Amino acid sequence: MDRSSDQTQRTEGVLTQVCLECGKEYYFDRVEPPAEQVCERCGNRVFRSFFDVTRKDDINEDFEDTTSRDLKTDDPATDVAPGDLFDLNNP
């Protein structure tokens, strides 16, 4: 089977790896991180990974729409109406 025709399109973005011991950050945007990555500052081998998408797609936009904070200043602080609270006290 030809692997070149079977490859899926990869999401464009930047992978940030942060050393858990000293906090040194490594950025990978064009190449994969090495399999046996070692921190050049402290020699640690354990990293926390963060991936940030640089090109938006439908899945990423939907996630941001459903999880982001509402920053509009004219919206009420909550969607709970006084009648909703009154109904909770009535069994």
C-alpha atoms as a PDB file:
ATOM      1  CA  MET A   1       0.000   0.000   0.000  1.00  0.00           C
ATOM      2  CA  ASP A   2       1.298   3.447  -0.903  1.00  0.00           C
ATOM      3  CA  ARG A   3       1.726   5.397   2.336  1.00  0.00           C
ATOM      4  CA  SER A   4       1.894   8.776   0.580  1.00  0.00           C
ATOM      5  CA  SER A   5      -1.727   8.467  -0.579  1.00  0.00           C
ATOM      6  CA  ASP A   6      -2.862   7.241   2.860  1.00  0.00           C
ATOM      7  CA  GLN A   7      -1.421  10.101   4.940  1.00  0.00           C
ATOM      8  CA  THR A   8      -3.891  12.412   6.616  1.00  0.00           C
ATOM      9  CA  GLN A   9      -3.504  16.165   6.551  1.00  0.00           C
ATOM     10  CA  ARG A  10      -1.823  17.411   9.724  1.00  0.00           C
ATOM     11  CA  THR A  11      -3.013  20.427  11.654  1.00  0.00           C
ATOM     12  CA  GLU A  12      -0.700  23.410  11.403  1.00  0.00           C
ATOM     13  CA  GLY A  13       0.570  24.738  14.708  1.00  0.00           C
ATOM     14  CA  VAL A  14       3.370  25.060  17.209  1.00  0.00           C
ATOM     15  CA  LEU A  15       4.236  22.393  19.753  1.00  0.00           C
ATOM     16  CA  THR A  16       5.725  23.791  22.958  1.00  0.00           C
ATOM     17  CA  GLN A  17       7.496  21.418  25.311  1.00  0.00           C
ATOM     18  CA  VAL A  18       8.244  22.708  28.807  1.00  0.00           C
ATOM     19  CA  CYS A  19      10.761  20.992  31.069  1.00  0.00           C
ATOM     20  CA  LEU A  20       9.018  20.020  34.306  1.00  0.00           C
ATOM     21  CA  GLU A  21      12.210  20.461  36.318  1.00  0.00           C
ATOM     22  CA  CYS A  22      13.496  23.911  35.294  1.00  0.00           C
ATOM     23  CA  GLY A  23      10.800  25.360  32.981  1.00  0.00           C
ATOM     24  CA  LYS A  24      12.955  25.714  29.846  1.00  0.00           C
ATOM     25  CA  GLU A  25      10.750  25.860  26.754  1.00  0.00           C
ATOM     26  CA  TYR A  26      11.358  24.207  23.384  1.00  0.00           C
ATOM     27  CA  TYR A  27       9.318  25.089  20.285  1.00  0.00           C
ATOM     28  CA  PHE A  28       8.652  22.817  17.301  1.00  0.00           C
ATOM     29  CA  ASP A  29       6.726  24.144  14.309  1.00  0.00           C
ATOM     30  CA  ARG A  30       8.272  22.339  11.352  1.00  0.00           C
ATOM     31  CA  VAL A  31       9.863  19.192  12.790  1.00  0.00           C
ATOM     32  CA  GLU A  32       8.890  16.590  15.369  1.00  0.00           C
ATOM     33  CA  PRO A  33      10.575  16.755  18.781  1.00  0.00           C
ATOM     34  CA  PRO A  34      13.324  14.191  19.286  1.00  0.00           C
ATOM     35  CA  ALA A  35      12.148  10.846  20.688  1.00  0.00           C
ATOM     36  CA  GLU A  36      14.665  11.027  23.540  1.00  0.00           C
ATOM     37  CA  GLN A  37      14.584  14.749  24.268  1.00  0.00           C
ATOM     38  CA  VAL A  38      16.859  15.920  27.075  1.00  0.00           C
ATOM     39  CA  CYS A  39      16.732  19.400  28.598  1.00  0.00           C
ATOM     40  CA  GLU A  40      19.975  21.168  27.810  1.00  0.00           C
ATOM     41  CA  ARG A  41      19.725  23.251  30.994  1.00  0.00           C
ATOM     42  CA  CYS A  42      19.127  20.592  33.681  1.00  0.00           C
ATOM     43  CA  GLY A  43      19.262  17.195  31.920  1.00  0.00           C
ATOM     44  CA  ASN A  44      15.643  16.314  32.718  1.00  0.00           C
ATOM     45  CA  ARG A  45      13.754  14.005  30.338  1.00  0.00           C
ATOM     46  CA  VAL A  46      10.166  14.797  31.373  1.00  0.00           C
ATOM     47  CA  PHE A  47       8.288  17.534  29.501  1.00  0.00           C
ATOM     48  CA  ARG A  48       4.776  18.922  29.439  1.00  0.00           C
ATOM     49  CA  SER A  49       3.467  19.480  25.913  1.00  0.00           C
ATOM     50  CA  PHE A  50       1.185  22.259  24.662  1.00  0.00           C
ATOM     51  CA  PHE A  51      -0.037  22.515  21.064  1.00  0.00           C
ATOM     52  CA  ASP A  52      -1.337  25.791  19.642  1.00  0.00           C
ATOM     53  CA  VAL A  53      -3.117  25.723  16.293  1.00  0.00           C
ATOM     54  CA  THR A  54      -1.964  28.456  13.915  1.00  0.00           C
ATOM     55  CA  ARG A  55      -4.508  27.778  11.175  1.00  0.00           C
ATOM     56  CA  LYS A  56      -8.134  27.667  12.296  1.00  0.00           C
ATOM     57  CA  ASP A  57     -10.465  24.867  11.262  1.00  0.00           C
ATOM     58  CA  ASP A  58     -14.117  24.027  11.997  1.00  0.00           C
ATOM     59  CA  ILE A  59     -13.310  21.760  14.938  1.00  0.00           C
ATOM     60  CA  ASN A  60     -11.048  24.311  16.607  1.00  0.00           C
ATOM     61  CA  GLU A  61     -13.541  27.144  16.081  1.00  0.00           C
ATOM     62  CA  ASP A  62     -16.386  25.060  17.542  1.00  0.00           C
ATOM     63  CA  PHE A  63     -14.277  24.205  20.603  1.00  0.00           C
ATOM     64  CA  GLU A  64     -13.400  27.869  21.159  1.00  0.00           C
ATOM     65  CA  ASP A  65     -17.048  28.926  20.760  1.00  0.00           C
ATOM     66  CA  THR A  66     -18.258  26.429  23.364  1.00  0.00           C
ATOM     67  CA  THR A  67     -15.473  26.879  25.936  1.00  0.00           C
ATOM     68  CA  SER A  68     -14.358  30.507  25.731  1.00  0.00           C
ATOM     69  CA  ARG A  69     -15.505  33.225  28.083  1.00  0.00           C
ATOM     70  CA  ASP A  70     -18.064  35.759  26.968  1.00  0.00           C
ATOM     71  CA  LEU A  71     -16.256  39.100  26.917  1.00  0.00           C
ATOM     72  CA  LYS A  72     -19.170  41.312  25.897  1.00  0.00           C
ATOM     73  CA  THR A  73     -19.598  44.103  28.436  1.00  0.00           C
ATOM     74  CA  ASP A  74     -23.323  44.643  27.796  1.00  0.00           C
ATOM     75  CA  ASP A  75     -24.352  41.061  28.676  1.00  0.00           C
ATOM     76  CA  PRO A  76     -25.788  40.346  32.124  1.00  0.00           C
ATOM     77  CA  ALA A  77     -23.452  38.624  34.578  1.00  0.00           C
ATOM     78  CA  THR A  78     -25.608  35.497  34.607  1.00  0.00           C
ATOM     79  CA  ASP A  79     -28.461  33.947  32.685  1.00  0.00           C
ATOM     80  CA  VAL A  80     -30.396  33.099  35.897  1.00  0.00           C
ATOM     81  CA  ALA A  81     -33.581  35.114  36.281  1.00  0.00           C
ATOM     82  CA  PRO A  82     -35.167  35.917  39.678  1.00  0.00           C
ATOM     83  CA  GLY A  83     -38.084  33.639  38.788  1.00  0.00           C
ATOM     84  CA  ASP A  84     -35.688  30.702  38.345  1.00  0.00           C
ATOM     85  CA  LEU A  85     -34.533  31.023  41.947  1.00  0.00           C
ATOM     86  CA  PHE A  86     -38.104  31.294  43.199  1.00  0.00           C
ATOM     87  CA  ASP A  87     -39.017  28.064  41.385  1.00  0.00           C
ATOM     88  CA  LEU A  88     -36.157  26.203  43.111  1.00  0.00           C
ATOM     89  CA  ASN A  89     -37.723  26.892  46.535  1.00  0.00           C
ATOM     90  CA  ASN A  90     -41.114  25.479  45.545  1.00  0.00           C
ATOM     91  CA  PRO A  91     -41.259  21.671  45.645  1.00  0.00           C
END
